[in-house]
Amino acid sequence: MTTFENCSRTIDESPVRVINLKQLITNWFRTQQFKVRLVQERKQLSQMSDEMLRDIGTDRSDADIEANRRDIPASRLQYLSNGS
């Protein structure tokens, strides 16, 4: 006859692990959504006219550099931690 006295704990007995996994998945999806928004913003920036760029205080070369970046600027990382 089999007894279950010596069985290891299951995930049901460890709610902290479930919460941590849920938080990791939530953070991953939030990061992916943020990256998509950032790509869209950069695409819009690359499509602005020189006059529009001048209105926001930049020029074509700086706009092209920003539009071709693939990283998340440090100044924008706070939005990820805030959940925006």
N, C-alpha and C. Protein backbone atom coordinates (compact mmCIF):
# COMPACT_ATOMS: atom_id res chain seq x y z
N MET A 1 0.83 -1.17 0.00
CA MET A 1 0.00 0.00 0.00
C MET A 1 0.88 1.24 0.00
N THR A 2 0.48 2.26 -0.76
CA THR A 2 1.26 3.48 -0.87
C THR A 2 0.76 4.51 0.13
N THR A 3 1.70 5.15 0.79
CA THR A 3 1.32 6.25 1.69
C THR A 3 1.87 7.53 1.12
N PHE A 4 1.26 8.64 1.45
CA PHE A 4 1.66 9.94 0.93
C PHE A 4 2.31 10.81 1.98
N GLU A 5 2.73 10.22 3.05
CA GLU A 5 3.33 10.98 4.14
C GLU A 5 4.67 11.60 3.74
N ASN A 6 5.42 10.93 2.90
CA ASN A 6 6.76 11.40 2.54
C ASN A 6 6.81 12.11 1.18
N CYS A 7 5.67 12.40 0.62
CA CYS A 7 5.65 13.07 -0.69
C CYS A 7 6.11 14.51 -0.55
N SER A 8 6.72 15.01 -1.60
CA SER A 8 7.16 16.40 -1.59
C SER A 8 5.96 17.33 -1.75
N ARG A 9 6.16 18.56 -1.40
CA ARG A 9 5.09 19.56 -1.50
C ARG A 9 4.72 19.79 -2.96
N THR A 10 3.48 20.10 -3.18
CA THR A 10 3.02 20.43 -4.52
C THR A 10 2.92 21.94 -4.65
N ILE A 11 2.70 22.39 -5.86
CA ILE A 11 2.61 23.83 -6.10
C ILE A 11 1.40 24.43 -5.37
N ASP A 12 0.37 23.61 -5.13
CA ASP A 12 -0.80 24.08 -4.39
C ASP A 12 -0.45 24.45 -2.96
N GLU A 13 0.57 23.81 -2.43
CA GLU A 13 0.97 24.08 -1.06
C GLU A 13 1.95 25.25 -0.97
N SER A 14 2.31 25.82 -2.08
CA SER A 14 3.27 26.91 -2.09
C SER A 14 2.71 28.11 -2.86
N PRO A 15 1.80 28.87 -2.27
CA PRO A 15 1.19 30.00 -2.98
C PRO A 15 2.18 31.10 -3.33
N VAL A 16 3.28 31.18 -2.62
CA VAL A 16 4.29 32.20 -2.93
C VAL A 16 4.88 31.95 -4.30
N ARG A 17 5.13 30.70 -4.64
CA ARG A 17 5.67 30.37 -5.96
C ARG A 17 4.69 30.72 -7.07
N VAL A 18 3.42 30.48 -6.83
CA VAL A 18 2.40 30.80 -7.82
C VAL A 18 2.33 32.31 -8.04
N ILE A 19 2.37 33.06 -6.96
CA ILE A 19 2.33 34.52 -7.06
C ILE A 19 3.57 35.03 -7.79
N ASN A 20 4.73 34.48 -7.48
CA ASN A 20 5.96 34.91 -8.15
C ASN A 20 5.91 34.60 -9.64
N LEU A 21 5.42 33.43 -9.99
CA LEU A 21 5.31 33.06 -11.40
C LEU A 21 4.33 33.99 -12.12
N LYS A 22 3.21 34.26 -11.47
CA LYS A 22 2.23 35.18 -12.06
C LYS A 22 2.84 36.56 -12.26
N GLN A 23 3.60 37.05 -11.29
CA GLN A 23 4.25 38.36 -11.40
C GLN A 23 5.28 38.37 -12.52
N LEU A 24 6.05 37.30 -12.66
CA LEU A 24 7.04 37.21 -13.73
C LEU A 24 6.37 37.25 -15.10
N ILE A 25 5.29 36.51 -15.24
CA ILE A 25 4.57 36.50 -16.52
C ILE A 25 3.96 37.86 -16.80
N THR A 26 3.36 38.47 -15.79
CA THR A 26 2.78 39.81 -15.95
C THR A 26 3.84 40.82 -16.36
N ASN A 27 4.98 40.77 -15.70
CA ASN A 27 6.07 41.71 -16.03
C ASN A 27 6.57 41.49 -17.46
N TRP A 28 6.65 40.23 -17.88
CA TRP A 28 7.11 39.94 -19.24
C TRP A 28 6.15 40.53 -20.26
N PHE A 29 4.84 40.30 -20.06
CA PHE A 29 3.84 40.85 -20.99
C PHE A 29 3.85 42.38 -20.98
N ARG A 30 4.00 42.97 -19.82
CA ARG A 30 4.06 44.42 -19.71
C ARG A 30 5.26 44.97 -20.49
N THR A 31 6.39 44.30 -20.36
CA THR A 31 7.60 44.72 -21.07
C THR A 31 7.40 44.60 -22.58
N GLN A 32 6.78 43.52 -23.02
CA GLN A 32 6.55 43.34 -24.46
C GLN A 32 5.61 44.41 -25.01
N GLN A 33 4.57 44.72 -24.27
CA GLN A 33 3.64 45.77 -24.70
C GLN A 33 4.35 47.12 -24.77
N PHE A 34 5.20 47.38 -23.80
CA PHE A 34 5.94 48.64 -23.78
C PHE A 34 6.88 48.73 -24.98
N LYS A 35 7.54 47.63 -25.31
CA LYS A 35 8.44 47.62 -26.46
C LYS A 35 7.68 47.89 -27.76
N VAL A 36 6.49 47.33 -27.89
CA VAL A 36 5.68 47.57 -29.08
C VAL A 36 5.31 49.05 -29.17
N ARG A 37 4.90 49.64 -28.05
CA ARG A 37 4.57 51.08 -28.05
C ARG A 37 5.78 51.92 -28.42
N LEU A 38 6.93 51.54 -27.91
CA LEU A 38 8.16 52.29 -28.19
C LEU A 38 8.52 52.21 -29.67
N VAL A 39 8.37 51.05 -30.27
CA VAL A 39 8.63 50.90 -31.71
C VAL A 39 7.66 51.77 -32.51
N GLN A 40 6.40 51.81 -32.10
CA GLN A 40 5.41 52.64 -32.79
C GLN A 40 5.77 54.13 -32.68
N GLU A 41 6.18 54.55 -31.48
CA GLU A 41 6.59 55.95 -31.30
C GLU A 41 7.78 56.29 -32.18
N ARG A 42 8.74 55.40 -32.24
CA ARG A 42 9.92 55.65 -33.06
C ARG A 42 9.58 55.68 -34.55
N LYS A 43 8.65 54.85 -34.94
CA LYS A 43 8.21 54.86 -36.35
C LYS A 43 7.54 56.20 -36.66
N GLN A 44 6.69 56.66 -35.77
CA GLN A 44 6.04 57.96 -35.96
C GLN A 44 7.08 59.08 -36.05
N LEU A 45 8.08 59.00 -35.19
CA LEU A 45 9.14 60.00 -35.20
C LEU A 45 9.87 60.02 -36.54
N SER A 46 10.14 58.84 -37.08
CA SER A 46 10.85 58.78 -38.36
C SER A 46 10.01 59.31 -39.52
N GLN A 47 8.70 59.32 -39.35
CA GLN A 47 7.81 59.76 -40.43
C GLN A 47 7.45 61.24 -40.32
N MET A 48 7.91 61.91 -39.28
CA MET A 48 7.60 63.34 -39.12
C MET A 48 8.37 64.16 -40.15
N SER A 49 7.75 65.25 -40.55
CA SER A 49 8.42 66.17 -41.47
C SER A 49 9.48 66.96 -40.71
N ASP A 50 10.40 67.57 -41.46
CA ASP A 50 11.44 68.39 -40.84
C ASP A 50 10.82 69.53 -40.04
N GLU A 51 9.74 70.08 -40.54
CA GLU A 51 9.06 71.18 -39.85
C GLU A 51 8.48 70.71 -38.51
N MET A 52 7.88 69.55 -38.51
CA MET A 52 7.32 69.00 -37.26
C MET A 52 8.44 68.71 -36.26
N LEU A 53 9.55 68.18 -36.75
CA LEU A 53 10.68 67.90 -35.87
C LEU A 53 11.23 69.18 -35.26
N ARG A 54 11.30 70.22 -36.06
CA ARG A 54 11.76 71.51 -35.57
C ARG A 54 10.83 72.01 -34.46
N ASP A 55 9.53 71.78 -34.62
CA ASP A 55 8.55 72.20 -33.61
C ASP A 55 8.77 71.51 -32.27
N ILE A 56 9.24 70.28 -32.28
CA ILE A 56 9.47 69.58 -31.02
C ILE A 56 10.93 69.72 -30.55
N GLY A 57 11.70 70.51 -31.27
CA GLY A 57 13.05 70.84 -30.82
C GLY A 57 14.13 69.85 -31.20
N THR A 58 13.97 69.17 -32.32
CA THR A 58 15.00 68.23 -32.77
C THR A 58 15.20 68.37 -34.27
N ASP A 59 16.16 67.67 -34.79
CA ASP A 59 16.39 67.72 -36.24
C ASP A 59 16.33 66.31 -36.81
N ARG A 60 16.42 66.21 -38.11
CA ARG A 60 16.27 64.93 -38.80
C ARG A 60 17.32 63.91 -38.36
N SER A 61 18.56 64.32 -38.21
CA SER A 61 19.61 63.35 -37.86
C SER A 61 19.37 62.76 -36.46
N ASP A 62 19.01 63.59 -35.49
CA ASP A 62 18.72 63.07 -34.15
C ASP A 62 17.48 62.18 -34.16
N ALA A 63 16.48 62.56 -34.94
CA ALA A 63 15.26 61.76 -35.04
C ALA A 63 15.56 60.41 -35.66
N ASP A 64 16.41 60.38 -36.69
CA ASP A 64 16.77 59.12 -37.34
C ASP A 64 17.56 58.21 -36.40
N ILE A 65 18.45 58.81 -35.62
CA ILE A 65 19.22 58.03 -34.64
C ILE A 65 18.27 57.39 -33.63
N GLU A 66 17.34 58.18 -33.11
CA GLU A 66 16.38 57.64 -32.13
C GLU A 66 15.48 56.59 -32.77
N ALA A 67 15.04 56.83 -33.98
CA ALA A 67 14.13 55.90 -34.65
C ALA A 67 14.79 54.55 -34.91
N ASN A 68 16.11 54.52 -35.04
CA ASN A 68 16.82 53.28 -35.33
C ASN A 68 17.33 52.55 -34.09
N ARG A 69 17.10 53.11 -32.92
CA ARG A 69 17.51 52.45 -31.67
C ARG A 69 16.63 51.24 -31.41
N ARG A 70 17.15 50.26 -30.72
CA ARG A 70 16.39 49.06 -30.37
C ARG A 70 16.31 48.84 -28.87
N ASP A 71 16.96 49.70 -28.10
CA ASP A 71 16.95 49.52 -26.66
C ASP A 71 15.83 50.34 -26.02
N ILE A 72 15.66 50.16 -24.73
CA ILE A 72 14.73 50.98 -23.96
C ILE A 72 15.57 52.00 -23.21
N PRO A 73 15.34 53.29 -23.48
CA PRO A 73 16.13 54.32 -22.79
C PRO A 73 15.94 54.24 -21.27
N ALA A 74 17.00 54.50 -20.54
CA ALA A 74 16.95 54.45 -19.07
C ALA A 74 15.88 55.38 -18.53
N SER A 75 15.68 56.52 -19.20
CA SER A 75 14.69 57.48 -18.73
C SER A 75 13.26 56.94 -18.85
N ARG A 76 13.06 55.90 -19.66
CA ARG A 76 11.73 55.32 -19.85
C ARG A 76 11.51 54.05 -19.04
N LEU A 77 12.55 53.52 -18.44
CA LEU A 77 12.42 52.28 -17.67
C LEU A 77 11.50 52.43 -16.47
N GLN A 78 11.37 53.63 -15.94
CA GLN A 78 10.50 53.84 -14.78
C GLN A 78 9.05 53.51 -15.11
N TYR A 79 8.66 53.66 -16.38
CA TYR A 79 7.29 53.35 -16.77
C TYR A 79 6.98 51.86 -16.64
N LEU A 80 7.99 51.04 -16.84
CA LEU A 80 7.79 49.60 -16.69
C LEU A 80 7.53 49.23 -15.23
N SER A 81 8.27 49.83 -14.32
CA SER A 81 8.10 49.50 -12.91
C SER A 81 6.81 50.09 -12.36
N ASN A 82 6.31 51.16 -12.97
CA ASN A 82 5.06 51.78 -12.51
C ASN A 82 3.84 51.09 -13.09
N GLY A 83 4.03 50.24 -14.10
CA GLY A 83 2.91 49.56 -14.71
C GLY A 83 2.14 50.38 -15.70
N SER A 84 2.75 51.43 -16.22
CA SER A 84 2.08 52.28 -17.22
C SER A 84 2.15 51.67 -18.58
